[in-house]
């Protein structure tokens, strides 16, 4: 040890440890807040994308429903076929 080096006293060491721990707490607290904010943003973006994709699915379903709305059901087709066959039997 050099005689010019100051002695480190327990009180100085305690102050340094407290300052380091205080800085770490602040850093961890800020990181936690930033992480919470990023999670909220990610949730919001996912919700928005999900709503958009769900809108496309709804539009597809509406389009298919519209296409099929003028198609007779099997029962309706069979009733019509029997009426046609009654008046115009196959030869």
N, C-alpha and C. Protein backbone atom coordinates (compact mmCIF):
# COMPACT_ATOMS: atom_id res chain seq x y z
N UNK A 1 0.84 -1.17 0.00
CA UNK A 1 0.00 0.00 0.00
C UNK A 1 0.89 1.24 0.00
N UNK A 2 0.56 2.19 -0.83
CA UNK A 2 1.31 3.42 -0.95
C UNK A 2 0.83 4.39 0.13
N UNK A 3 1.74 5.11 0.74
CA UNK A 3 1.36 6.03 1.81
C UNK A 3 0.52 7.19 1.30
N UNK A 4 0.58 7.47 -0.01
CA UNK A 4 -0.20 8.56 -0.57
C UNK A 4 -1.67 8.16 -0.80
N UNK A 5 -1.95 6.84 -0.86
CA UNK A 5 -3.33 6.37 -1.07
C UNK A 5 -4.14 6.63 0.19
N UNK A 6 -5.33 7.20 0.04
CA UNK A 6 -6.15 7.42 1.23
C UNK A 6 -6.68 6.09 1.76
N UNK A 7 -6.89 6.05 3.04
CA UNK A 7 -7.44 4.85 3.66
C UNK A 7 -8.95 4.80 3.39
N UNK A 8 -9.41 3.63 3.13
CA UNK A 8 -10.84 3.45 2.93
C UNK A 8 -11.43 3.07 4.27
N UNK A 9 -12.30 3.89 4.74
CA UNK A 9 -12.93 3.64 6.03
C UNK A 9 -14.27 2.92 5.80
N UNK A 10 -14.76 2.29 6.83
CA UNK A 10 -16.02 1.56 6.74
C UNK A 10 -17.16 2.48 6.33
N UNK A 11 -17.18 3.69 6.83
CA UNK A 11 -18.26 4.63 6.47
C UNK A 11 -18.20 4.98 4.99
N UNK A 12 -16.98 5.11 4.44
CA UNK A 12 -16.83 5.40 3.01
C UNK A 12 -17.32 4.20 2.19
N UNK A 13 -16.99 3.01 2.63
CA UNK A 13 -17.40 1.81 1.94
C UNK A 13 -18.93 1.66 1.99
N UNK A 14 -19.51 1.94 3.15
CA UNK A 14 -20.97 1.88 3.30
C UNK A 14 -21.66 2.87 2.36
N UNK A 15 -21.11 4.07 2.25
CA UNK A 15 -21.68 5.07 1.35
C UNK A 15 -21.60 4.61 -0.10
N UNK A 16 -20.47 4.04 -0.48
CA UNK A 16 -20.29 3.56 -1.85
C UNK A 16 -21.28 2.42 -2.15
N UNK A 17 -21.43 1.49 -1.22
CA UNK A 17 -22.36 0.38 -1.41
C UNK A 17 -23.78 0.90 -1.53
N UNK A 18 -24.17 1.84 -0.66
CA UNK A 18 -25.52 2.41 -0.72
C UNK A 18 -25.76 3.11 -2.06
N UNK A 19 -24.78 3.85 -2.54
CA UNK A 19 -24.92 4.55 -3.82
C UNK A 19 -25.06 3.56 -4.97
N UNK A 20 -24.26 2.49 -4.93
CA UNK A 20 -24.35 1.47 -5.99
C UNK A 20 -25.72 0.79 -5.95
N UNK A 21 -26.17 0.41 -4.76
CA UNK A 21 -27.47 -0.26 -4.64
C UNK A 21 -28.62 0.66 -5.05
N UNK A 22 -28.51 1.93 -4.69
CA UNK A 22 -29.53 2.90 -5.09
C UNK A 22 -29.59 3.04 -6.61
N UNK A 23 -28.42 3.10 -7.24
CA UNK A 23 -28.35 3.17 -8.70
C UNK A 23 -28.92 1.92 -9.35
N UNK A 24 -28.62 0.76 -8.78
CA UNK A 24 -29.15 -0.50 -9.32
C UNK A 24 -30.67 -0.53 -9.19
N UNK A 25 -31.19 -0.10 -8.04
CA UNK A 25 -32.65 -0.05 -7.85
C UNK A 25 -33.30 0.85 -8.90
N UNK A 26 -32.69 2.00 -9.13
CA UNK A 26 -33.22 2.93 -10.11
C UNK A 26 -33.18 2.33 -11.51
N UNK A 27 -32.08 1.70 -11.86
CA UNK A 27 -31.93 1.07 -13.16
C UNK A 27 -32.94 -0.05 -13.35
N UNK A 28 -33.09 -0.90 -12.36
CA UNK A 28 -34.04 -2.01 -12.44
C UNK A 28 -35.47 -1.47 -12.51
N UNK A 29 -35.76 -0.44 -11.75
CA UNK A 29 -37.10 0.16 -11.78
C UNK A 29 -37.43 0.73 -13.14
N UNK A 30 -36.48 1.43 -13.76
CA UNK A 30 -36.71 1.98 -15.09
C UNK A 30 -36.87 0.88 -16.12
N UNK A 31 -36.05 -0.16 -16.01
CA UNK A 31 -36.13 -1.28 -16.94
C UNK A 31 -37.49 -1.96 -16.81
N UNK A 32 -37.96 -2.13 -15.59
CA UNK A 32 -39.26 -2.74 -15.35
C UNK A 32 -40.39 -1.91 -15.95
N UNK A 33 -40.31 -0.61 -15.78
CA UNK A 33 -41.34 0.28 -16.35
C UNK A 33 -41.31 0.23 -17.87
N UNK A 34 -40.10 0.25 -18.44
CA UNK A 34 -39.97 0.17 -19.90
C UNK A 34 -40.52 -1.15 -20.42
N UNK A 35 -40.22 -2.22 -19.70
CA UNK A 35 -40.69 -3.54 -20.11
C UNK A 35 -42.21 -3.60 -20.05
N UNK A 36 -42.80 -3.04 -19.00
CA UNK A 36 -44.27 -3.03 -18.89
C UNK A 36 -44.88 -2.24 -20.06
N UNK A 37 -44.25 -1.12 -20.39
CA UNK A 37 -44.74 -0.32 -21.51
C UNK A 37 -44.65 -1.08 -22.83
N UNK A 38 -43.54 -1.78 -23.04
CA UNK A 38 -43.38 -2.55 -24.27
C UNK A 38 -44.40 -3.68 -24.35
N UNK A 39 -44.67 -4.31 -23.23
CA UNK A 39 -45.66 -5.40 -23.20
C UNK A 39 -47.04 -4.84 -23.54
N UNK A 40 -47.39 -3.69 -22.98
CA UNK A 40 -48.68 -3.07 -23.29
C UNK A 40 -48.78 -2.74 -24.77
N UNK A 41 -47.70 -2.19 -25.34
CA UNK A 41 -47.71 -1.85 -26.76
C UNK A 41 -47.85 -3.10 -27.61
N UNK A 42 -47.14 -4.17 -27.25
CA UNK A 42 -47.21 -5.42 -28.01
C UNK A 42 -48.62 -6.00 -27.94
N UNK A 43 -49.24 -5.95 -26.76
CA UNK A 43 -50.61 -6.44 -26.63
C UNK A 43 -51.56 -5.64 -27.49
N UNK A 44 -51.38 -4.34 -27.50
CA UNK A 44 -52.24 -3.47 -28.30
C UNK A 44 -52.08 -3.76 -29.79
N UNK A 45 -50.83 -3.93 -30.22
CA UNK A 45 -50.58 -4.24 -31.64
C UNK A 45 -51.18 -5.59 -32.02
N UNK A 46 -51.01 -6.59 -31.16
CA UNK A 46 -51.57 -7.91 -31.44
C UNK A 46 -53.10 -7.86 -31.50
N UNK A 47 -53.69 -7.12 -30.58
CA UNK A 47 -55.15 -6.99 -30.57
C UNK A 47 -55.62 -6.34 -31.87
N UNK A 48 -54.91 -5.31 -32.32
CA UNK A 48 -55.27 -4.62 -33.55
C UNK A 48 -55.13 -5.56 -34.75
N UNK A 49 -54.01 -6.31 -34.82
CA UNK A 49 -53.82 -7.24 -35.92
C UNK A 49 -54.89 -8.34 -35.91
N UNK A 50 -55.22 -8.81 -34.72
CA UNK A 50 -56.23 -9.86 -34.60
C UNK A 50 -57.58 -9.35 -35.09
N UNK A 51 -57.93 -8.12 -34.71
CA UNK A 51 -59.20 -7.55 -35.16
C UNK A 51 -59.22 -7.41 -36.68
N UNK A 52 -58.09 -7.00 -37.26
CA UNK A 52 -58.01 -6.86 -38.71
C UNK A 52 -58.19 -8.21 -39.38
N UNK A 53 -57.45 -9.22 -38.91
CA UNK A 53 -57.56 -10.56 -39.50
C UNK A 53 -58.96 -11.12 -39.31
N UNK A 54 -59.53 -10.89 -38.15
CA UNK A 54 -60.88 -11.37 -37.89
C UNK A 54 -61.88 -10.68 -38.82
N UNK A 55 -61.63 -9.43 -39.14
CA UNK A 55 -62.48 -8.71 -40.10
C UNK A 55 -62.42 -9.35 -41.47
N UNK A 56 -61.22 -9.77 -41.90
CA UNK A 56 -61.10 -10.46 -43.18
C UNK A 56 -61.87 -11.77 -43.17
N UNK A 57 -61.78 -12.50 -42.08
CA UNK A 57 -62.50 -13.77 -41.98
C UNK A 57 -64.01 -13.52 -42.04
N UNK A 58 -64.47 -12.50 -41.33
CA UNK A 58 -65.90 -12.17 -41.36
C UNK A 58 -66.35 -11.82 -42.78
N UNK A 59 -65.53 -11.04 -43.48
CA UNK A 59 -65.86 -10.68 -44.86
C UNK A 59 -65.92 -11.92 -45.75
N UNK A 60 -64.98 -12.84 -45.56
CA UNK A 60 -64.98 -14.08 -46.34
C UNK A 60 -66.25 -14.89 -46.06
N UNK A 61 -66.63 -14.95 -44.81
CA UNK A 61 -67.85 -15.70 -44.44
C UNK A 61 -69.07 -15.04 -45.06
N UNK A 62 -69.13 -13.72 -45.00
CA UNK A 62 -70.27 -13.00 -45.60
C UNK A 62 -70.32 -13.27 -47.10
N UNK A 63 -69.15 -13.26 -47.76
CA UNK A 63 -69.10 -13.51 -49.20
C UNK A 63 -69.56 -14.92 -49.52
N UNK A 64 -69.10 -15.89 -48.77
CA UNK A 64 -69.53 -17.27 -49.00
C UNK A 64 -71.02 -17.43 -48.73
N UNK A 65 -71.51 -16.79 -47.70
CA UNK A 65 -72.94 -16.87 -47.39
C UNK A 65 -73.75 -16.27 -48.52
N UNK A 66 -73.30 -15.15 -49.06
CA UNK A 66 -74.01 -14.52 -50.18
C UNK A 66 -73.98 -15.42 -51.41
N UNK A 67 -72.84 -16.06 -51.67
CA UNK A 67 -72.75 -16.96 -52.82
C UNK A 67 -73.68 -18.15 -52.67
N UNK A 68 -73.78 -18.65 -51.46
CA UNK A 68 -74.59 -19.85 -51.23
C UNK A 68 -76.06 -19.55 -50.99
N UNK A 69 -76.40 -18.29 -50.81
CA UNK A 69 -77.78 -17.96 -50.48
C UNK A 69 -78.74 -18.27 -51.63
N UNK A 70 -78.26 -18.23 -52.88
CA UNK A 70 -79.15 -18.54 -54.00
C UNK A 70 -79.04 -20.01 -54.43
N UNK A 71 -78.30 -20.80 -53.71
CA UNK A 71 -78.18 -22.24 -54.00
C UNK A 71 -79.24 -22.96 -53.18
N UNK A 72 -80.07 -23.76 -53.84
CA UNK A 72 -81.13 -24.46 -53.09
C UNK A 72 -80.54 -25.54 -52.18
N UNK A 73 -81.28 -25.81 -51.12
CA UNK A 73 -80.85 -26.88 -50.23
C UNK A 73 -81.13 -28.22 -50.93
N UNK A 74 -80.60 -29.28 -50.39
CA UNK A 74 -80.80 -30.61 -50.98
C UNK A 74 -82.30 -30.94 -50.99
N UNK A 75 -83.00 -30.61 -49.92
CA UNK A 75 -84.44 -30.87 -49.84
C UNK A 75 -85.19 -30.10 -50.93
N UNK A 76 -84.85 -28.81 -51.08
CA UNK A 76 -85.50 -28.00 -52.11
C UNK A 76 -85.20 -28.55 -53.51
N UNK A 77 -83.97 -28.96 -53.72
CA UNK A 77 -83.60 -29.52 -55.02
C UNK A 77 -84.38 -30.79 -55.30
N UNK A 78 -84.48 -31.66 -54.33
CA UNK A 78 -85.21 -32.93 -54.52
C UNK A 78 -86.70 -32.69 -54.77
N UNK A 79 -87.30 -31.72 -54.09
CA UNK A 79 -88.72 -31.39 -54.32
C UNK A 79 -88.92 -30.90 -55.76
N UNK A 80 -88.05 -30.01 -56.20
CA UNK A 80 -88.14 -29.49 -57.56
C UNK A 80 -87.91 -30.60 -58.58
N UNK A 81 -86.94 -31.46 -58.32
CA UNK A 81 -86.63 -32.57 -59.23
C UNK A 81 -87.84 -33.50 -59.34
N UNK A 82 -88.48 -33.79 -58.22
CA UNK A 82 -89.64 -34.70 -58.27
C UNK A 82 -90.79 -34.06 -59.06
N UNK A 83 -90.97 -32.74 -58.93
CA UNK A 83 -92.02 -32.06 -59.69
C UNK A 83 -91.71 -32.10 -61.19
N UNK A 84 -90.45 -31.87 -61.54
CA UNK A 84 -90.05 -31.91 -62.95
C UNK A 84 -90.22 -33.33 -63.49
N UNK A 85 -89.75 -34.31 -62.72
CA UNK A 85 -89.87 -35.71 -63.16
C UNK A 85 -91.33 -36.13 -63.31
N UNK A 86 -92.21 -35.56 -62.50
CA UNK A 86 -93.63 -35.90 -62.56
C UNK A 86 -94.24 -35.46 -63.89
N UNK A 87 -93.87 -34.26 -64.33
CA UNK A 87 -94.45 -33.73 -65.57
C UNK A 87 -93.62 -34.05 -66.81
N UNK A 88 -92.35 -34.31 -66.62
CA UNK A 88 -91.47 -34.61 -67.73
C UNK A 88 -90.61 -35.84 -67.36
N UNK A 89 -91.22 -37.01 -67.40
CA UNK A 89 -90.46 -38.22 -67.01
C UNK A 89 -89.34 -38.48 -68.02
N UNK A 90 -88.27 -39.04 -67.48
CA UNK A 90 -87.11 -39.38 -68.32
C UNK A 90 -87.47 -40.57 -69.20
N UNK A 91 -87.07 -40.56 -70.44
CA UNK A 91 -87.44 -41.63 -71.37
C UNK A 91 -86.41 -42.73 -71.35
